[in-house]
Full PDB file with SEQRES, HELIX, SHEET, SSBOND, CRYST1, ORIGX, SCALE, CONECT and MASTER records, all heavy atoms in Angstrom:
SEQRES   1 A   31  SER ALA ALA PHE MET ARG TYR ASN ARG LEU ARG ASP ILE          
SEQRES   2 A   31  GLY LEU THR ASP LYS GLN ILE ALA GLU ASN LEU THR PHE          
SEQRES   3 A   31  ALA THR ASP LYS ILE                                          
HELIX    1 AA1 TYR A    7  ILE A   13  5                                   7    
HELIX    2 AA2 ASP A   17  ASN A   23  1                                   7    
CRYST1    1.000    1.000    1.000  90.00  90.00  90.00 P 1           1          
ORIGX1      1.000000  0.000000  0.000000        0.00000                         
ORIGX2      0.000000  1.000000  0.000000        0.00000                         
ORIGX3      0.000000  0.000000  1.000000        0.00000                         
SCALE1      1.000000  0.000000  0.000000        0.00000                         
SCALE2      0.000000  1.000000  0.000000        0.00000                         
SCALE3      0.000000  0.000000  1.000000        0.00000                         
ATOM      1  N   SER A   1     121.113 193.209  98.814  1.00  0.00           N  
ATOM      2  CA  SER A   1     121.840 193.233  97.549  1.00  0.00           C  
ATOM      3  C   SER A   1     122.220 194.663  97.176  1.00  0.00           C  
ATOM      4  O   SER A   1     121.682 195.633  97.722  1.00  0.00           O  
ATOM      5  CB  SER A   1     120.990 192.639  96.419  1.00  0.00           C  
ATOM      6  OG  SER A   1     120.788 191.256  96.596  1.00  0.00           O  
ATOM      7  N   ALA A   2     123.162 194.759  96.236  1.00  0.00           N  
ATOM      8  CA  ALA A   2     123.466 196.026  95.554  1.00  0.00           C  
ATOM      9  C   ALA A   2     123.501 195.649  94.077  1.00  0.00           C  
ATOM     10  O   ALA A   2     124.553 195.599  93.449  1.00  0.00           O  
ATOM     11  CB  ALA A   2     124.781 196.602  96.034  1.00  0.00           C  
ATOM     12  N   ALA A   3     122.332 195.350  93.555  1.00  0.00           N  
ATOM     13  CA  ALA A   3     122.217 194.696  92.257  1.00  0.00           C  
ATOM     14  C   ALA A   3     122.644 195.560  91.078  1.00  0.00           C  
ATOM     15  O   ALA A   3     122.785 195.057  89.969  1.00  0.00           O  
ATOM     16  CB  ALA A   3     120.769 194.233  92.035  1.00  0.00           C  
ATOM     17  N   PHE A   4     122.862 196.849  91.313  1.00  0.00           N  
ATOM     18  CA  PHE A   4     123.282 197.732  90.225  1.00  0.00           C  
ATOM     19  C   PHE A   4     124.765 198.118  90.343  1.00  0.00           C  
ATOM     20  O   PHE A   4     125.222 199.039  89.677  1.00  0.00           O  
ATOM     21  CB  PHE A   4     122.410 198.989  90.203  1.00  0.00           C  
ATOM     22  CG  PHE A   4     120.950 198.690  90.035  1.00  0.00           C  
ATOM     23  CD1 PHE A   4     120.106 198.658  91.133  1.00  0.00           C  
ATOM     24  CD2 PHE A   4     120.422 198.411  88.784  1.00  0.00           C  
ATOM     25  CE1 PHE A   4     118.756 198.365  90.988  1.00  0.00           C  
ATOM     26  CE2 PHE A   4     119.079 198.112  88.621  1.00  0.00           C  
ATOM     27  CZ  PHE A   4     118.237 198.089  89.730  1.00  0.00           C  
ATOM     28  N   MET A   5     125.479 197.397  91.193  1.00  0.00           N  
ATOM     29  CA  MET A   5     126.908 197.640  91.384  1.00  0.00           C  
ATOM     30  C   MET A   5     127.674 196.342  91.118  1.00  0.00           C  
ATOM     31  O   MET A   5     127.324 195.297  91.664  1.00  0.00           O  
ATOM     32  CB  MET A   5     127.174 198.125  92.816  1.00  0.00           C  
ATOM     33  CG  MET A   5     128.645 198.214  93.199  1.00  0.00           C  
ATOM     34  SD  MET A   5     129.599 199.361  92.202  1.00  0.00           S  
ATOM     35  CE  MET A   5     128.789 200.908  92.594  1.00  0.00           C  
ATOM     36  N   ARG A   6     128.705 196.433  90.283  1.00  0.00           N  
ATOM     37  CA  ARG A   6     129.555 195.277  90.014  1.00  0.00           C  
ATOM     38  C   ARG A   6     130.811 195.348  90.872  1.00  0.00           C  
ATOM     39  O   ARG A   6     131.328 196.429  91.159  1.00  0.00           O  
ATOM     40  CB  ARG A   6     129.926 195.215  88.532  1.00  0.00           C  
ATOM     41  CG  ARG A   6     128.723 195.006  87.621  1.00  0.00           C  
ATOM     42  CD  ARG A   6     129.116 194.786  86.177  1.00  0.00           C  
ATOM     43  NE  ARG A   6     127.935 194.683  85.330  1.00  0.00           N  
ATOM     44  CZ  ARG A   6     127.227 193.572  85.178  1.00  0.00           C  
ATOM     45  NH1 ARG A   6     127.609 192.462  85.792  1.00  0.00           N  
ATOM     46  NH2 ARG A   6     126.154 193.546  84.408  1.00  0.00           N  
ATOM     47  N   TYR A   7     131.299 194.180  91.256  1.00  0.00           N  
ATOM     48  CA  TYR A   7     132.499 194.132  92.099  1.00  0.00           C  
ATOM     49  C   TYR A   7     133.675 194.853  91.444  1.00  0.00           C  
ATOM     50  O   TYR A   7     134.443 195.541  92.122  1.00  0.00           O  
ATOM     51  CB  TYR A   7     132.881 192.687  92.397  1.00  0.00           C  
ATOM     52  CG  TYR A   7     131.981 191.988  93.382  1.00  0.00           C  
ATOM     53  CD1 TYR A   7     130.944 191.157  92.946  1.00  0.00           C  
ATOM     54  CD2 TYR A   7     132.162 192.140  94.747  1.00  0.00           C  
ATOM     55  CE1 TYR A   7     130.110 190.505  93.847  1.00  0.00           C  
ATOM     56  CE2 TYR A   7     131.334 191.488  95.660  1.00  0.00           C  
ATOM     57  CZ  TYR A   7     130.323 190.677  95.201  1.00  0.00           C  
ATOM     58  OH  TYR A   7     129.503 190.046  96.098  1.00  0.00           O  
ATOM     59  N   ASN A   8     133.809 194.690  90.135  1.00  0.00           N  
ATOM     60  CA  ASN A   8     134.984 195.277  89.482  1.00  0.00           C  
ATOM     61  C   ASN A   8     134.940 196.805  89.453  1.00  0.00           C  
ATOM     62  O   ASN A   8     135.935 197.450  89.141  1.00  0.00           O  
ATOM     63  CB  ASN A   8     135.177 194.730  88.068  1.00  0.00           C  
ATOM     64  CG  ASN A   8     133.963 194.919  87.175  1.00  0.00           C  
ATOM     65  OD1 ASN A   8     133.041 195.665  87.494  1.00  0.00           O  
ATOM     66  ND2 ASN A   8     133.963 194.228  86.040  1.00  0.00           N  
ATOM     67  N   ARG A   9     133.803 197.406  89.799  1.00  0.00           N  
ATOM     68  CA  ARG A   9     133.734 198.869  89.877  1.00  0.00           C  
ATOM     69  C   ARG A   9     134.518 199.383  91.089  1.00  0.00           C  
ATOM     70  O   ARG A   9     134.842 200.573  91.169  1.00  0.00           O  
ATOM     71  CB  ARG A   9     132.278 199.316  89.969  1.00  0.00           C  
ATOM     72  CG  ARG A   9     132.069 200.821  89.738  1.00  0.00           C  
ATOM     73  CD  ARG A   9     132.461 201.194  88.328  1.00  0.00           C  
ATOM     74  NE  ARG A   9     132.551 202.627  88.148  1.00  0.00           N  
ATOM     75  CZ  ARG A   9     131.567 203.388  87.669  1.00  0.00           C  
ATOM     76  NH1 ARG A   9     130.411 202.846  87.342  1.00  0.00           N  
ATOM     77  NH2 ARG A   9     131.747 204.674  87.497  1.00  0.00           N  
ATOM     78  N   LEU A  10     134.863 198.476  91.996  1.00  0.00           N  
ATOM     79  CA  LEU A  10     135.653 198.860  93.164  1.00  0.00           C  
ATOM     80  C   LEU A  10     137.081 199.232  92.786  1.00  0.00           C  
ATOM     81  O   LEU A  10     137.837 199.723  93.626  1.00  0.00           O  
ATOM     82  CB  LEU A  10     135.656 197.731  94.201  1.00  0.00           C  
ATOM     83  CG  LEU A  10     134.267 197.361  94.768  1.00  0.00           C  
ATOM     84  CD1 LEU A  10     134.384 196.187  95.729  1.00  0.00           C  
ATOM     85  CD2 LEU A  10     133.636 198.553  95.465  1.00  0.00           C  
ATOM     86  N   ARG A  11     137.448 199.000  91.519  1.00  0.00           N  
ATOM     87  CA  ARG A  11     138.739 199.506  91.039  1.00  0.00           C  
ATOM     88  C   ARG A  11     138.796 201.020  91.179  1.00  0.00           C  
ATOM     89  O   ARG A  11     139.875 201.598  91.360  1.00  0.00           O  
ATOM     90  CB  ARG A  11     138.933 199.134  89.567  1.00  0.00           C  
ATOM     91  CG  ARG A  11     138.978 197.656  89.256  1.00  0.00           C  
ATOM     92  CD  ARG A  11     138.834 197.454  87.755  1.00  0.00           C  
ATOM     93  NE  ARG A  11     138.805 196.045  87.351  1.00  0.00           N  
ATOM     94  CZ  ARG A  11     138.342 195.629  86.176  1.00  0.00           C  
ATOM     95  NH1 ARG A  11     137.879 196.511  85.297  1.00  0.00           N  
ATOM     96  NH2 ARG A  11     138.346 194.345  85.872  1.00  0.00           N  
ATOM     97  N   ASP A  12     137.640 201.661  91.092  1.00  0.00           N  
ATOM     98  CA  ASP A  12     137.582 203.123  91.145  1.00  0.00           C  
ATOM     99  C   ASP A  12     137.983 203.670  92.513  1.00  0.00           C  
ATOM    100  O   ASP A  12     138.256 204.872  92.637  1.00  0.00           O  
ATOM    101  CB  ASP A  12     136.177 203.608  90.803  1.00  0.00           C  
ATOM    102  CG  ASP A  12     135.813 203.329  89.349  1.00  0.00           C  
ATOM    103  OD1 ASP A  12     136.687 202.850  88.596  1.00  0.00           O  
ATOM    104  OD2 ASP A  12     134.658 203.593  88.966  1.00  0.00           O  
ATOM    105  N   ILE A  13     137.973 202.819  93.544  1.00  0.00           N  
ATOM    106  CA  ILE A  13     138.405 203.290  94.863  1.00  0.00           C  
ATOM    107  C   ILE A  13     139.765 202.690  95.231  1.00  0.00           C  
ATOM    108  O   ILE A  13     140.108 202.591  96.414  1.00  0.00           O  
ATOM    109  CB  ILE A  13     137.350 202.981  95.951  1.00  0.00           C  
ATOM    110  CG1 ILE A  13     137.051 201.477  96.041  1.00  0.00           C  
ATOM    111  CG2 ILE A  13     136.083 203.752  95.697  1.00  0.00           C  
ATOM    112  CD1 ILE A  13     136.126 201.121  97.198  1.00  0.00           C  
ATOM    113  N   GLY A  14     140.512 202.299  94.208  1.00  0.00           N  
ATOM    114  CA  GLY A  14     141.899 201.915  94.416  1.00  0.00           C  
ATOM    115  C   GLY A  14     142.170 200.454  94.677  1.00  0.00           C  
ATOM    116  O   GLY A  14     143.303 200.087  95.006  1.00  0.00           O  
ATOM    117  N   LEU A  15     141.171 199.582  94.532  1.00  0.00           N  
ATOM    118  CA  LEU A  15     141.377 198.158  94.767  1.00  0.00           C  
ATOM    119  C   LEU A  15     141.740 197.457  93.459  1.00  0.00           C  
ATOM    120  O   LEU A  15     141.212 197.783  92.403  1.00  0.00           O  
ATOM    121  CB  LEU A  15     140.117 197.527  95.352  1.00  0.00           C  
ATOM    122  CG  LEU A  15     139.709 198.008  96.755  1.00  0.00           C  
ATOM    123  CD1 LEU A  15     138.363 197.426  97.145  1.00  0.00           C  
ATOM    124  CD2 LEU A  15     140.764 197.639  97.790  1.00  0.00           C  
ATOM    125  N   THR A  16     142.642 196.496  93.558  1.00  0.00           N  
ATOM    126  CA  THR A  16     143.024 195.716  92.383  1.00  0.00           C  
ATOM    127  C   THR A  16     142.070 194.542  92.219  1.00  0.00           C  
ATOM    128  O   THR A  16     141.334 194.174  93.154  1.00  0.00           O  
ATOM    129  CB  THR A  16     144.458 195.192  92.525  1.00  0.00           C  
ATOM    130  OG1 THR A  16     144.508 194.257  93.629  1.00  0.00           O  
ATOM    131  CG2 THR A  16     145.434 196.333  92.787  1.00  0.00           C  
ATOM    132  N   ASP A  17     142.087 193.933  91.051  1.00  0.00           N  
ATOM    133  CA  ASP A  17     141.245 192.762  90.810  1.00  0.00           C  
ATOM    134  C   ASP A  17     141.578 191.638  91.794  1.00  0.00           C  
ATOM    135  O   ASP A  17     140.678 190.928  92.263  1.00  0.00           O  
ATOM    136  CB  ASP A  17     141.443 192.255  89.380  1.00  0.00           C  
ATOM    137  CG  ASP A  17     140.820 193.193  88.349  1.00  0.00           C  
ATOM    138  OD1 ASP A  17     140.121 194.141  88.763  1.00  0.00           O  
ATOM    139  OD2 ASP A  17     141.036 192.982  87.144  1.00  0.00           O  
ATOM    140  N   LYS A  18     142.852 191.487  92.107  1.00  0.00           N  
ATOM    141  CA  LYS A  18     143.268 190.436  93.042  1.00  0.00           C  
ATOM    142  C   LYS A  18     142.718 190.711  94.433  1.00  0.00           C  
ATOM    143  O   LYS A  18     142.218 189.797  95.103  1.00  0.00           O  
ATOM    144  CB  LYS A  18     144.792 190.347  93.087  1.00  0.00           C  
ATOM    145  CG  LYS A  18     145.309 189.244  94.004  1.00  0.00           C  
ATOM    146  CD  LYS A  18     146.832 189.169  93.971  1.00  0.00           C  
ATOM    147  CE  LYS A  18     147.334 188.052  94.904  1.00  0.00           C  
ATOM    148  NZ  LYS A  18     148.816 187.988  94.920  1.00  0.00           N  
ATOM    149  N   GLN A  19     142.791 191.961  94.893  1.00  0.00           N  
ATOM    150  CA  GLN A  19     142.267 192.316  96.212  1.00  0.00           C  
ATOM    151  C   GLN A  19     140.758 192.112  96.270  1.00  0.00           C  
ATOM    152  O   GLN A  19     140.225 191.624  97.274  1.00  0.00           O  
ATOM    153  CB  GLN A  19     142.613 193.770  96.529  1.00  0.00           C  
ATOM    154  CG  GLN A  19     144.080 194.019  96.804  1.00  0.00           C  
ATOM    155  CD  GLN A  19     144.403 195.496  96.944  1.00  0.00           C  
ATOM    156  OE1 GLN A  19     143.849 196.345  96.234  1.00  0.00           O  
ATOM    157  NE2 GLN A  19     145.294 195.819  97.863  1.00  0.00           N  
ATOM    158  N   ILE A  20     140.080 192.469  95.192  1.00  0.00           N  
ATOM    159  CA  ILE A  20     138.622 192.291  95.151  1.00  0.00           C  
ATOM    160  C   ILE A  20     138.266 190.804  95.207  1.00  0.00           C  
ATOM    161  O   ILE A  20     137.405 190.377  95.983  1.00  0.00           O  
ATOM    162  CB  ILE A  20     138.038 192.930  93.877  1.00  0.00           C  
ATOM    163  CG1 ILE A  20     138.266 194.443  93.880  1.00  0.00           C  
ATOM    164  CG2 ILE A  20     136.543 192.621  93.762  1.00  0.00           C  
ATOM    165  CD1 ILE A  20     137.938 195.110  92.565  1.00  0.00           C  
ATOM    166  N   ALA A  21     138.956 190.006  94.393  1.00  0.00           N  
ATOM    167  CA  ALA A  21     138.647 188.575  94.315  1.00  0.00           C  
ATOM    168  C   ALA A  21     138.950 187.855  95.624  1.00  0.00           C  
ATOM    169  O   ALA A  21     138.204 186.970  96.048  1.00  0.00           O  
ATOM    170  CB  ALA A  21     139.434 187.947  93.165  1.00  0.00           C  
ATOM    171  N   GLU A  22     140.047 188.225  96.272  1.00  0.00           N  
ATOM    172  CA  GLU A  22     140.476 187.507  97.475  1.00  0.00           C  
ATOM    173  C   GLU A  22     139.760 187.964  98.741  1.00  0.00           C  
ATOM    174  O   GLU A  22     139.626 187.182  99.685  1.00  0.00           O  
ATOM    175  CB  GLU A  22     141.988 187.672  97.662  1.00  0.00           C  
ATOM    176  CG  GLU A  22     142.821 186.950  96.608  1.00  0.00           C  
ATOM    177  CD  GLU A  22     144.316 187.129  96.835  1.00  0.00           C  
ATOM    178  OE1 GLU A  22     144.692 187.915  97.736  1.00  0.00           O  
ATOM    179  OE2 GLU A  22     145.099 186.476  96.113  1.00  0.00           O  
ATOM    180  N   ASN A  23     139.280 189.199  98.777  1.00  0.00           N  
ATOM    181  CA  ASN A  23     138.763 189.742 100.034  1.00  0.00           C  
ATOM    182  C   ASN A  23     137.288 190.122 100.028  1.00  0.00           C  
ATOM    183  O   ASN A  23     136.696 190.265 101.101  1.00  0.00           O  
ATOM    184  CB  ASN A  23     139.569 190.992 100.424  1.00  0.00           C  
ATOM    185  CG  ASN A  23     141.042 190.704 100.592  1.00  0.00           C  
ATOM    186  OD1 ASN A  23     141.437 189.850 101.367  1.00  0.00           O  
ATOM    187  ND2 ASN A  23     141.878 191.417  99.843  1.00  0.00           N  
ATOM    188  N   LEU A  24     136.685 190.262  98.846  1.00  0.00           N  
ATOM    189  CA  LEU A  24     135.331 190.807  98.825  1.00  0.00           C  
ATOM    190  C   LEU A  24     134.310 189.961  98.082  1.00  0.00           C  
ATOM    191  O   LEU A  24     133.105 190.164  98.270  1.00  0.00           O  
ATOM    192  CB  LEU A  24     135.351 192.218  98.211  1.00  0.00           C  
ATOM    193  CG  LEU A  24     136.204 193.253  98.959  1.00  0.00           C  
ATOM    194  CD1 LEU A  24     136.240 194.568  98.191  1.00  0.00           C  
ATOM    195  CD2 LEU A  24     135.672 193.480 100.359  1.00  0.00           C  
ATOM    196  N   THR A  25     134.727 189.051  97.240  1.00  0.00           N  
ATOM    197  CA  THR A  25     133.767 188.271  96.451  1.00  0.00           C  
ATOM    198  C   THR A  25     133.479 186.928  97.125  1.00  0.00           C  
ATOM    199  O   THR A  25     133.909 185.882  96.670  1.00  0.00           O  
ATOM    200  CB  THR A  25     134.306 188.029  95.025  1.00  0.00           C  
ATOM    201  OG1 THR A  25     135.620 187.445  95.119  1.00  0.00           O  
ATOM    202  CG2 THR A  25     134.398 189.326  94.251  1.00  0.00           C  
ATOM    203  N   PHE A  26     132.723 186.984  98.211  1.00  0.00           N  
ATOM    204  CA  PHE A  26     132.393 185.754  98.938  1.00  0.00           C  
ATOM    205  C   PHE A  26     131.236 184.997  98.283  1.00  0.00           C  
ATOM    206  O   PHE A  26     131.123 183.784  98.429  1.00  0.00           O  
ATOM    207  CB  PHE A  26     132.022 186.083 100.387  1.00  0.00           C  
ATOM    208  CG  PHE A  26     133.112 186.810 101.130  1.00  0.00           C  
ATOM    209  CD1 PHE A  26     132.852 187.990 101.809  1.00  0.00           C  
ATOM    210  CD2 PHE A  26     134.404 186.322 101.137  1.00  0.00           C  
ATOM    211  CE1 PHE A  26     133.854 188.656 102.480  1.00  0.00           C  
ATOM    212  CE2 PHE A  26     135.411 186.986 101.806  1.00  0.00           C  
ATOM    213  CZ  PHE A  26     135.143 188.154 102.482  1.00  0.00           C  
ATOM    214  N   ALA A  27     130.362 185.724  97.586  1.00  0.00           N  
ATOM    215  CA  ALA A  27     129.177 185.094  97.005  1.00  0.00           C  
ATOM    216  C   ALA A  27     129.381 184.676  95.552  1.00  0.00           C  
ATOM    217  O   ALA A  27     128.500 184.056  94.960  1.00  0.00           O  
ATOM    218  CB  ALA A  27     127.983 186.049  97.096  1.00  0.00           C  
ATOM    219  N   THR A  28     130.524 185.002  94.974  1.00  0.00           N  
ATOM    220  CA  THR A  28     130.791 184.669  93.577  1.00  0.00           C  
ATOM    221  C   THR A  28     132.289 184.573  93.361  1.00  0.00           C  
ATOM    222  O   THR A  28     133.073 185.021  94.198  1.00  0.00           O  
ATOM    223  CB  THR A  28     130.199 185.738  92.638  1.00  0.00           C  
ATOM    224  OG1 THR A  28     130.466 185.388  91.286  1.00  0.00           O  
ATOM    225  CG2 THR A  28     130.801 187.103  92.924  1.00  0.00           C  
ATOM    226  N   ASP A  29     132.692 183.969  92.240  1.00  0.00           N  
ATOM    227  CA  ASP A  29     134.109 183.900  91.908  1.00  0.00           C  
ATOM    228  C   ASP A  29     134.427 184.763  90.686  1.00  0.00           C  
ATOM    229  O   ASP A  29     135.518 184.689  90.130  1.00  0.00           O  
ATOM    230  CB  ASP A  29     134.542 182.452  91.651  1.00  0.00           C  
ATOM    231  CG  ASP A  29     133.713 181.790  90.548  1.00  0.00           C  
ATOM    232  OD1 ASP A  29     132.757 182.429  90.063  1.00  0.00           O  
ATOM    233  OD2 ASP A  29     134.033 180.644  90.191  1.00  0.00           O  
ATOM    234  N   LYS A  30     133.461 185.611  90.280  1.00  0.00           N  
ATOM    235  CA  LYS A  30     133.657 186.481  89.130  1.00  0.00           C  
ATOM    236  C   LYS A  30     133.499 187.936  89.574  1.00  0.00           C  
ATOM    237  O   LYS A  30     132.434 188.331  90.060  1.00  0.00           O  
ATOM    238  CB  LYS A  30     132.631 186.170  88.036  1.00  0.00           C  
ATOM    239  CG  LYS A  30     132.725 184.743  87.491  1.00  0.00           C  
ATOM    240  CD  LYS A  30     131.640 184.496  86.456  1.00  0.00           C  
ATOM    241  CE  LYS A  30     131.709 183.063  85.921  1.00  0.00           C  
ATOM    242  NZ  LYS A  30     130.621 182.805  84.949  1.00  0.00           N  
ATOM    243  N   ILE A  31     134.555 188.727  89.392  1.00  0.00           N  
ATOM    244  CA  ILE A  31     134.483 190.111  89.855  1.00  0.00           C  
ATOM    245  C   ILE A  31     133.615 190.975  88.936  1.00  0.00           C  
ATOM    246  O   ILE A  31     133.316 192.122  89.270  1.00  0.00           O  
ATOM    247  CB  ILE A  31     135.887 190.728  89.985  1.00  0.00           C  
ATOM    248  CG1 ILE A  31     136.578 190.824  88.618  1.00  0.00           C  
ATOM    249  CG2 ILE A  31     136.742 189.946  90.956  1.00  0.00           C  
ATOM    250  CD1 ILE A  31     137.850 191.639  88.655  1.00  0.00           C  
TER     251      ILE A  31                                                      
MASTER        0    0    0    2    0    0    0    6  250    1    0    3          
END                                                                             
């Protein structure tokens, strides 16, 4: 796990919410 990191923090490295949701959130549907 990376329990202190939220998926939506990946915006800081240039990813959009759509890119995060479609490509990285396999274990959840909430970024």
